[in-house]
Amino acid sequence: MLHENLSVNEMGHLCIAGKDTVDLAKKYGTPLMVMDENRVRRNMRIYKDAMKKHFGEKSYPLFASKSFSCKYIYRLAKDENIGIDLVSSGELYTALSTGFDVSKAFLHGNNKTDFDINYAMESGVGYFVVDNLTELDRIDEMAGEKGIIQKVILRLTPGIDPHTHAAIVTGRVDSKFGIAIETGQADEAVSYTLKKKNVRLCGFHCHIGSQIFDIKPFCDASEIMIKYISHIKEKFDYAIEILNLGGGFGVKYIDSQPELDYEEFIRLISVYIHNEVKRAGIDMPTVVMEPGRSLVADSTLTLYTVGGTKEIPGFKNYVSVDGGMPDNPRYALYQSDYTVCLASKMNEKADFECTVAGRCCESGDLLQENVLIPRPVRGDILSVLVTGAYNYSMASNYNRIPRPCVVGIANEEDFVVIKRETLEDLVKNDI
């Protein structure tokens, strides 16, 4: 199977964490997202343990909330003693509702509103990741009004192109995020920040992109960032305490992609960092990383009920399901690869080539094209694997379709994590 938490039982049904997905679909209905809690905890521990081992005791991972922000995930992050990154007041509110200690949180965003800044300061968010100097001015002003010194991290662009999808590349000079090193603007930003009275510059952040399987872009970015920290020490006689390397490690969605050894990736990056630190004669910074996809993606699958099958001789076949763009817009946006299987007929020959289409009144509402599954009939359960990241968090009510239920599995028990939206939920804010 694609990942070790997946299996097929004696009835020929797909299982996740030992649970029969067909039974789960009958119990909770579809569309249904099913999350393996042990897989999430395992992934969090891999990062936490590897970072302490290779970067030092003070280093730690932050869960990238945007990948799947919900109370359940923040409770797991709290249990596993890792930090979080946030990109909105909504994510912050959700984390606070679980009692999460947000002094461990980093607040991102390239356009933080006054409400965001005020709410984060009043809530005690540990670090603001500053994207531009206009934002820095407002943070400094509002911190002064509150009589606090706000810790900030400058988001820099190291000029790395990891050759991933254009929509998820963030480390190039022309990105909407961050302040470029190679143009000299980063030096200007450091100088400007150090003159502020109500903020304290604690570190630098970079993030080069997402779904990257090659270690070299991460090592190159690490080397650039350590050299830049050394440069700032020489130019401004100022020691940077924190280096936040962002996230971006790839996840196996289909058989042709590799399954990365995250500990080994972290070890290799640490070699570059330790070498550059030694060469520069500076203190080792606290290294922070922001995994999102690689913590939650492979923990989850989505189940659908097959509706109609349409065969167009000489062209293609379509299989329609009771979900689609509203619960997973990633194929429509990025042509993202997914593994699709017929969960109720795993032992039958997969010789029916088809495009899996969603139920929306939209020609682009597709989940995957040119997949091979057994010939389905109405009522079969179809599964799309590895849907834990950027699926529910990007879900919408397009066509006034309620968002799906999310179920967790832990210790052989299944339980609701997020309730299925109702038709009444769709109109609760209408006037």
Protein backbone atom coordinates (compact mmCIF):
# COMPACT_ATOMS: atom_id res chain seq x y z
CA MET A 1 0.00 0.00 0.00
CA LEU A 2 0.98 3.63 -0.45
CA HIS A 3 1.62 4.13 3.30
CA GLU A 4 2.01 1.68 6.14
CA ASN A 5 -1.18 2.74 7.93
CA LEU A 6 -3.25 1.48 4.98
CA SER A 7 -4.25 -2.15 4.39
CA VAL A 8 -6.86 -4.40 2.79
CA ASN A 9 -8.98 -6.74 4.92
CA GLU A 10 -10.42 -10.19 4.18
CA MET A 11 -13.53 -8.60 2.62
CA GLY A 12 -11.40 -6.74 0.10
CA HIS A 13 -12.11 -3.39 1.76
CA LEU A 14 -9.58 -0.62 2.22
CA CYS A 15 -8.63 -0.04 5.87
CA ILE A 16 -6.90 2.86 7.58
CA ALA A 17 -5.35 2.34 11.02
CA GLY A 18 -7.05 -1.06 10.98
CA LYS A 19 -10.54 0.36 10.45
CA ASP A 20 -12.71 -0.75 7.53
CA THR A 21 -13.40 2.36 5.43
CA VAL A 22 -16.60 0.92 3.98
CA ASP A 23 -17.96 0.47 7.51
CA LEU A 24 -16.91 4.02 8.37
CA ALA A 25 -18.69 5.36 5.29
CA LYS A 26 -21.87 3.54 6.33
CA LYS A 27 -21.60 4.82 9.90
CA TYR A 28 -20.85 8.48 9.21
CA GLY A 29 -21.93 9.02 5.60
CA THR A 30 -19.91 10.52 2.77
CA PRO A 31 -18.00 12.58 1.82
CA LEU A 32 -15.95 11.62 4.87
CA MET A 33 -12.40 12.45 5.86
CA VAL A 34 -10.73 9.88 8.13
CA MET A 35 -7.60 10.78 10.08
CA ASP A 36 -5.18 8.35 11.73
CA GLU A 37 -4.16 10.09 14.97
CA ASN A 38 -1.17 7.82 15.56
CA ARG A 39 0.24 8.79 12.17
CA VAL A 40 0.03 12.48 13.04
CA ARG A 41 1.71 11.90 16.40
CA ARG A 42 4.40 9.77 14.75
CA ASN A 43 5.20 12.52 12.24
CA MET A 44 5.32 15.20 14.95
CA ARG A 45 7.72 13.08 17.01
CA ILE A 46 10.02 12.44 14.05
CA TYR A 47 10.50 16.17 13.56
CA LYS A 48 10.76 17.00 17.26
CA ASP A 49 13.31 14.27 18.04
CA ALA A 50 15.39 14.82 14.89
CA MET A 51 15.60 18.57 15.38
CA LYS A 52 16.75 18.25 18.98
CA LYS A 53 19.28 15.61 17.99
CA HIS A 54 20.80 17.43 15.03
CA PHE A 55 20.22 21.13 15.73
CA GLY A 56 20.34 21.20 19.53
CA GLU A 57 17.99 21.01 22.51
CA LYS A 58 16.44 24.44 21.92
CA SER A 59 15.34 23.65 18.37
CA TYR A 60 11.78 22.54 17.65
CA PRO A 61 9.11 22.21 14.96
CA LEU A 62 6.06 24.42 14.51
CA PHE A 63 2.93 22.92 13.00
CA ALA A 64 1.95 24.99 9.95
CA SER A 65 -1.68 25.64 10.82
CA LYS A 66 -2.80 26.53 7.32
CA SER A 67 -2.47 22.87 6.29
CA PHE A 68 -5.29 21.77 8.62
CA SER A 69 -6.40 24.13 11.37
CA CYS A 70 -8.88 22.62 13.82
CA LYS A 71 -9.14 22.07 17.57
CA TYR A 72 -8.17 18.42 17.26
CA ILE A 73 -4.82 19.17 15.62
CA TYR A 74 -3.92 21.84 18.17
CA ARG A 75 -4.66 19.41 20.99
CA LEU A 76 -2.29 16.90 19.39
CA ALA A 77 0.39 19.58 18.94
CA LYS A 78 -0.01 20.55 22.60
CA ASP A 79 0.24 16.90 23.70
CA GLU A 80 3.38 16.40 21.61
CA ASN A 81 4.92 19.65 22.90
CA ILE A 82 5.57 21.33 19.57
CA GLY A 83 4.89 24.91 18.55
CA ILE A 84 2.56 26.29 15.88
CA ASP A 85 2.64 28.89 13.17
CA LEU A 86 -0.44 30.98 12.47
CA VAL A 87 -1.52 33.07 9.50
CA SER A 88 -4.80 34.59 10.70
CA SER A 89 -6.83 35.61 13.71
CA GLY A 90 -9.12 32.66 12.98
CA GLU A 91 -6.28 30.18 13.38
CA LEU A 92 -5.19 31.99 16.54
CA TYR A 93 -8.72 31.87 17.97
CA THR A 94 -8.96 28.15 17.23
CA ALA A 95 -5.64 27.45 18.95
CA LEU A 96 -6.59 29.56 21.98
CA SER A 97 -9.89 27.68 22.28
CA THR A 98 -7.91 24.53 23.11
CA GLY A 99 -5.73 26.22 25.75
CA PHE A 100 -2.65 26.17 23.51
CA ASP A 101 0.26 28.23 24.88
CA VAL A 102 0.66 30.75 22.06
CA SER A 103 3.92 32.07 23.45
CA LYS A 104 5.21 29.19 21.28
CA ALA A 105 3.38 30.56 18.24
CA PHE A 106 4.76 32.48 15.26
CA LEU A 107 2.30 34.80 13.49
CA HIS A 108 2.77 35.00 9.72
CA GLY A 109 0.96 36.86 6.99
CA ASN A 110 1.99 39.41 4.36
CA ASN A 111 -0.87 41.77 5.28
CA LYS A 112 -1.64 41.64 8.99
CA THR A 113 -4.55 43.93 9.78
CA ASP A 114 -4.70 46.15 12.84
CA PHE A 115 -7.19 43.67 14.28
CA ASP A 116 -4.75 40.79 13.71
CA ILE A 117 -1.88 42.65 15.34
CA ASN A 118 -3.90 43.80 18.32
CA TYR A 119 -5.52 40.39 18.88
CA ALA A 120 -2.17 38.60 18.67
CA MET A 121 -0.50 41.01 21.09
CA GLU A 122 -3.34 40.79 23.60
CA SER A 123 -3.26 37.00 23.31
CA GLY A 124 0.48 36.81 23.99
CA VAL A 125 1.66 35.44 20.65
CA GLY A 126 5.39 34.85 20.96
CA TYR A 127 6.75 36.05 17.63
CA PHE A 128 5.55 38.15 14.72
CA VAL A 129 7.10 37.13 11.38
CA VAL A 130 7.41 40.51 9.68
CA ASP A 131 6.92 40.58 5.92
CA ASN A 132 7.50 44.28 5.14
CA LEU A 133 8.48 47.56 6.75
CA THR A 134 5.00 49.11 6.60
CA GLU A 135 3.83 46.26 8.78
CA LEU A 136 6.84 46.68 11.07
CA ASP A 137 5.96 50.34 11.64
CA ARG A 138 2.45 49.40 12.75
CA ILE A 139 3.66 46.60 15.02
CA ASP A 140 6.12 48.97 16.66
CA GLU A 141 3.45 51.66 17.09
CA MET A 142 0.88 49.30 18.60
CA ALA A 143 3.45 47.65 20.86
CA GLY A 144 4.39 51.10 22.12
CA GLU A 145 0.77 51.89 22.88
CA LYS A 146 0.56 48.71 24.95
CA GLY A 147 3.88 49.29 26.69
CA ILE A 148 5.40 46.01 25.46
CA ILE A 149 8.43 44.95 23.48
CA GLN A 150 7.24 42.65 20.71
CA LYS A 151 9.62 39.95 19.47
CA VAL A 152 9.86 39.87 15.68
CA ILE A 153 11.38 37.68 12.99
CA LEU A 154 12.12 39.17 9.56
CA ARG A 155 10.94 37.05 6.65
CA LEU A 156 13.67 37.02 4.00
CA THR A 157 13.77 35.59 0.47
CA PRO A 158 17.04 33.75 -0.19
CA GLY A 159 16.56 33.63 -3.98
CA ILE A 160 16.07 29.85 -4.20
CA ASP A 161 13.88 28.28 -6.89
CA PRO A 162 13.15 24.66 -5.88
CA HIS A 163 11.43 23.85 -9.23
CA THR A 164 8.10 23.04 -7.61
CA HIS A 165 4.68 24.22 -8.81
CA ALA A 166 4.73 27.97 -9.48
CA ALA A 167 1.79 28.58 -7.14
CA ILE A 168 3.67 27.15 -4.15
CA VAL A 169 7.15 28.62 -4.74
CA THR A 170 7.87 31.29 -2.13
CA GLY A 171 11.65 31.72 -1.90
CA ARG A 172 12.40 33.61 -5.12
CA VAL A 173 13.27 37.29 -5.15
CA ASP A 174 10.00 38.18 -6.93
CA SER A 175 7.76 36.36 -4.43
CA LYS A 176 4.93 38.25 -2.75
CA PHE A 177 6.44 37.09 0.54
CA GLY A 178 9.43 38.47 2.38
CA ILE A 179 12.34 40.84 1.86
CA ALA A 180 15.06 40.00 -0.66
CA ILE A 181 18.63 39.44 0.47
CA GLU A 182 20.35 39.88 -2.88
CA THR A 183 18.86 43.32 -3.62
CA GLY A 184 20.22 44.79 -0.37
CA GLN A 185 16.73 45.37 0.98
CA ALA A 186 17.26 42.86 3.77
CA ASP A 187 20.18 44.90 5.12
CA GLU A 188 18.02 48.01 5.03
CA ALA A 189 15.26 46.15 6.88
CA VAL A 190 17.64 44.95 9.59
CA SER A 191 19.00 48.45 10.10
CA TYR A 192 15.47 49.87 10.23
CA THR A 193 14.28 47.24 12.70
CA LEU A 194 17.20 47.72 15.07
CA LYS A 195 16.28 51.40 15.40
CA LYS A 196 12.75 50.64 16.56
CA LYS A 197 12.01 51.12 20.26
CA ASN A 198 9.15 48.68 20.76
CA VAL A 199 10.28 45.59 18.87
CA ARG A 200 13.20 43.22 19.33
CA LEU A 201 14.72 41.50 16.33
CA CYS A 202 15.13 37.85 17.27
CA GLY A 203 15.74 36.09 14.02
CA PHE A 204 15.23 35.47 10.34
CA HIS A 205 12.72 33.32 8.49
CA CYS A 206 12.78 31.83 5.01
CA HIS A 207 10.48 29.43 3.18
CA ILE A 208 11.38 28.30 -0.32
CA GLY A 209 8.27 26.40 -1.35
CA SER A 210 6.21 23.29 -0.84
CA GLN A 211 6.13 19.61 -1.86
CA ILE A 212 9.91 19.47 -2.46
CA PHE A 213 11.62 16.07 -2.70
CA ASP A 214 15.19 17.27 -3.34
CA ILE A 215 17.37 18.06 -0.33
CA LYS A 216 19.64 20.46 -2.23
CA PRO A 217 17.35 23.54 -2.22
CA PHE A 218 16.99 23.26 1.57
CA CYS A 219 20.74 22.92 2.05
CA ASP A 220 21.40 25.86 -0.29
CA ALA A 221 18.89 28.01 1.58
CA SER A 222 20.39 27.02 4.94
CA GLU A 223 23.86 27.95 3.76
CA ILE A 224 22.66 31.33 2.45
CA MET A 225 20.83 32.10 5.69
CA ILE A 226 23.77 31.23 7.96
CA LYS A 227 26.10 33.32 5.81
CA TYR A 228 23.62 36.16 6.09
CA ILE A 229 23.43 35.83 9.87
CA SER A 230 27.24 36.03 9.92
CA HIS A 231 27.11 39.08 7.65
CA ILE A 232 24.67 40.83 10.01
CA LYS A 233 26.95 40.05 12.96
CA GLU A 234 29.87 41.70 11.17
CA LYS A 235 27.96 44.68 9.78
CA PHE A 236 25.73 45.54 12.75
CA ASP A 237 27.48 43.71 15.61
CA TYR A 238 24.14 42.03 16.29
CA ALA A 239 23.65 38.35 17.05
CA ILE A 240 20.63 36.63 15.52
CA GLU A 241 19.16 34.05 17.91
CA ILE A 242 16.62 32.19 15.75
CA LEU A 243 16.75 30.77 12.24
CA ASN A 244 13.33 29.64 10.98
CA LEU A 245 13.74 27.49 7.86
CA GLY A 246 10.04 27.16 7.08
CA GLY A 247 8.62 23.91 5.74
CA GLY A 248 8.18 22.28 2.37
CA PHE A 249 9.31 18.65 2.63
CA GLY A 250 7.48 16.53 0.06
CA VAL A 251 4.89 13.86 0.81
CA LYS A 252 4.23 10.71 -1.22
CA TYR A 253 0.85 11.05 -2.93
CA ILE A 254 1.38 8.46 -5.68
CA ASP A 255 3.54 5.36 -6.13
CA SER A 256 6.06 7.08 -8.41
CA GLN A 257 7.00 9.61 -5.71
CA PRO A 258 9.56 8.74 -3.02
CA GLU A 259 8.74 8.47 0.66
CA LEU A 260 11.18 10.82 2.32
CA ASP A 261 13.20 10.06 5.42
CA TYR A 262 12.54 13.32 7.28
CA GLU A 263 15.10 12.64 9.97
CA GLU A 264 17.78 12.13 7.33
CA PHE A 265 16.76 15.35 5.56
CA ILE A 266 17.05 17.23 8.85
CA ARG A 267 20.43 15.65 9.52
CA LEU A 268 21.77 16.67 6.11
CA ILE A 269 20.55 20.25 6.53
CA SER A 270 22.19 20.35 9.97
CA VAL A 271 25.54 19.39 8.43
CA TYR A 272 25.42 22.48 6.20
CA ILE A 273 24.38 24.70 9.09
CA HIS A 274 27.01 23.41 11.51
CA ASN A 275 29.74 23.79 8.88
CA GLU A 276 28.77 27.36 8.07
CA VAL A 277 28.43 28.30 11.75
CA LYS A 278 31.91 26.91 12.44
CA ARG A 279 33.39 28.64 9.39
CA ALA A 280 31.82 31.95 10.36
CA GLY A 281 32.79 31.69 14.02
CA ILE A 282 29.29 32.57 15.24
CA ASP A 283 27.03 30.96 17.82
CA MET A 284 24.65 28.26 16.66
CA PRO A 285 21.17 29.78 16.35
CA THR A 286 18.03 28.06 17.58
CA VAL A 287 16.66 26.36 14.46
CA VAL A 288 12.92 26.26 13.92
CA MET A 289 11.04 24.52 11.11
CA GLU A 290 7.40 24.72 10.02
CA PRO A 291 6.16 21.36 8.72
CA GLY A 292 2.50 21.22 7.76
CA ARG A 293 1.83 18.84 4.89
CA SER A 294 4.47 16.37 6.12
CA LEU A 295 2.77 16.16 9.53
CA VAL A 296 -0.82 15.58 8.47
CA ALA A 297 -1.16 14.71 4.76
CA ASP A 298 -0.53 10.97 4.90
CA SER A 299 -2.62 10.56 8.05
CA THR A 300 -5.88 11.05 6.20
CA LEU A 301 -8.00 9.80 3.31
CA THR A 302 -11.34 10.93 1.93
CA LEU A 303 -14.25 8.59 1.19
CA TYR A 304 -16.95 9.23 -1.41
CA THR A 305 -19.99 7.38 -2.65
CA VAL A 306 -20.08 6.69 -6.38
CA GLY A 307 -23.10 8.07 -8.19
CA GLY A 308 -23.08 7.68 -11.96
CA THR A 309 -20.63 6.23 -14.47
CA LYS A 310 -20.55 7.80 -17.92
CA GLU A 311 -18.73 6.10 -20.81
CA ILE A 312 -17.98 8.13 -23.96
CA PRO A 313 -16.70 5.68 -26.62
CA GLY A 314 -13.47 6.83 -28.22
CA PHE A 315 -12.97 9.58 -25.62
CA LYS A 316 -13.05 8.95 -21.89
CA ASN A 317 -15.03 7.58 -18.99
CA TYR A 318 -16.31 9.56 -16.03
CA VAL A 319 -17.08 8.37 -12.52
CA SER A 320 -19.03 10.92 -10.47
CA VAL A 321 -18.87 11.08 -6.68
CA ASP A 322 -20.76 12.99 -3.97
CA GLY A 323 -17.90 15.39 -3.23
CA GLY A 324 -15.31 17.21 -5.31
CA MET A 325 -14.07 20.81 -5.45
CA PRO A 326 -15.83 21.86 -2.22
CA ASP A 327 -13.83 19.38 -0.13
CA ASN A 328 -10.71 19.14 -2.33
CA PRO A 329 -9.98 22.01 -4.73
CA ARG A 330 -6.32 21.08 -5.19
CA TYR A 331 -6.64 19.28 -8.51
CA ALA A 332 -8.58 22.17 -9.99
CA LEU A 333 -5.99 24.64 -8.66
CA TYR A 334 -2.69 22.78 -9.07
CA GLN A 335 -3.43 19.55 -10.98
CA SER A 336 -2.24 17.81 -7.82
CA ASP A 337 -1.53 14.11 -8.03
CA TYR A 338 -3.57 11.72 -5.89
CA THR A 339 -3.96 7.97 -5.56
CA VAL A 340 -7.55 6.90 -6.14
CA CYS A 341 -8.90 3.46 -5.30
CA LEU A 342 -12.26 1.74 -5.04
CA ALA A 343 -12.32 1.14 -1.29
CA SER A 344 -15.13 -1.41 -1.51
CA LYS A 345 -13.45 -3.55 -4.21
CA MET A 346 -9.73 -3.49 -3.47
CA ASN A 347 -9.13 -7.10 -4.61
CA GLU A 348 -10.82 -6.71 -8.00
CA LYS A 349 -8.83 -5.97 -11.14
CA ALA A 350 -8.26 -2.24 -11.68
CA ASP A 351 -8.80 -2.07 -15.44
CA PHE A 352 -11.38 0.68 -15.83
CA GLU A 353 -9.68 3.93 -16.85
CA CYS A 354 -11.64 6.99 -15.86
CA THR A 355 -11.74 10.58 -14.71
CA VAL A 356 -13.14 11.04 -11.23
CA ALA A 357 -15.53 13.99 -11.32
CA GLY A 358 -17.14 15.89 -8.49
CA ARG A 359 -20.78 16.86 -8.17
CA CYS A 360 -20.47 20.60 -8.74
CA CYS A 361 -21.92 22.45 -11.69
CA GLU A 362 -18.42 23.26 -12.92
CA SER A 363 -16.48 21.59 -15.75
CA GLY A 364 -13.25 21.91 -13.78
CA ASP A 365 -14.65 20.01 -10.80
CA LEU A 366 -12.37 16.99 -11.11
CA LEU A 367 -10.50 15.02 -8.47
CA GLN A 368 -8.18 13.08 -10.78
CA GLU A 369 -7.90 12.07 -14.41
CA ASN A 370 -6.82 8.86 -16.14
CA VAL A 371 -6.97 6.62 -13.08
CA LEU A 372 -7.39 2.85 -13.12
CA ILE A 373 -9.95 1.33 -10.76
CA PRO A 374 -12.31 -1.67 -10.91
CA ARG A 375 -15.47 -0.85 -12.85
CA PRO A 376 -17.69 0.88 -10.25
CA VAL A 377 -21.42 0.84 -9.74
CA ARG A 378 -23.67 3.30 -7.96
CA GLY A 379 -23.18 3.00 -4.20
CA ASP A 380 -19.54 1.83 -4.29
CA ILE A 381 -17.16 3.62 -1.93
CA LEU A 382 -14.29 5.42 -3.63
CA SER A 383 -11.28 6.73 -1.74
CA VAL A 384 -8.75 9.46 -2.46
CA LEU A 385 -5.63 8.94 -0.37
CA VAL A 386 -3.34 11.43 1.40
CA THR A 387 -5.87 14.23 1.89
CA GLY A 388 -4.87 15.50 5.34
CA ALA A 389 -3.22 18.71 4.15
CA TYR A 390 -4.84 21.65 2.36
CA ASN A 391 -8.09 19.77 1.76
CA TYR A 392 -10.44 20.59 4.61
CA SER A 393 -8.56 23.84 5.24
CA MET A 394 -9.25 24.95 1.64
CA ALA A 395 -12.78 23.53 1.57
CA SER A 396 -15.69 25.76 0.57
CA ASN A 397 -19.47 25.76 0.26
CA TYR A 398 -19.42 26.21 -3.51
CA ASN A 399 -22.83 25.28 -4.93
CA ARG A 400 -24.07 25.50 -1.32
CA ILE A 401 -22.64 22.07 -0.54
CA PRO A 402 -21.95 21.45 3.18
CA ARG A 403 -18.39 20.64 4.17
CA PRO A 404 -17.71 17.01 5.12
CA CYS A 405 -17.42 15.27 8.44
CA VAL A 406 -13.91 14.54 9.76
CA VAL A 407 -13.42 11.41 11.84
CA GLY A 408 -10.37 10.50 13.89
CA ILE A 409 -9.06 7.04 14.73
CA ALA A 410 -7.02 6.35 17.86
CA ASN A 411 -6.54 3.17 19.88
CA GLU A 412 -8.86 1.30 17.49
CA GLU A 413 -11.72 3.73 18.25
CA ASP A 414 -13.32 6.12 15.77
CA PHE A 415 -14.80 9.46 16.78
CA VAL A 416 -15.99 12.73 15.22
CA VAL A 417 -13.36 15.47 15.03
CA ILE A 418 -15.34 17.98 12.96
CA LYS A 419 -19.11 17.61 12.55
CA ARG A 420 -20.62 17.49 9.08
CA GLU A 421 -22.12 20.83 8.14
CA THR A 422 -25.88 20.89 7.80
CA LEU A 423 -28.15 22.73 5.40
CA GLU A 424 -29.07 24.99 8.32
CA ASP A 425 -25.36 25.85 8.77
CA LEU A 426 -25.31 27.17 5.21
CA VAL A 427 -27.82 29.93 5.98
CA LYS A 428 -26.95 30.77 9.60
CA ASN A 429 -25.20 34.02 8.61
CA ASP A 430 -27.71 35.05 5.97
CA ILE A 431 -29.92 38.01 6.83
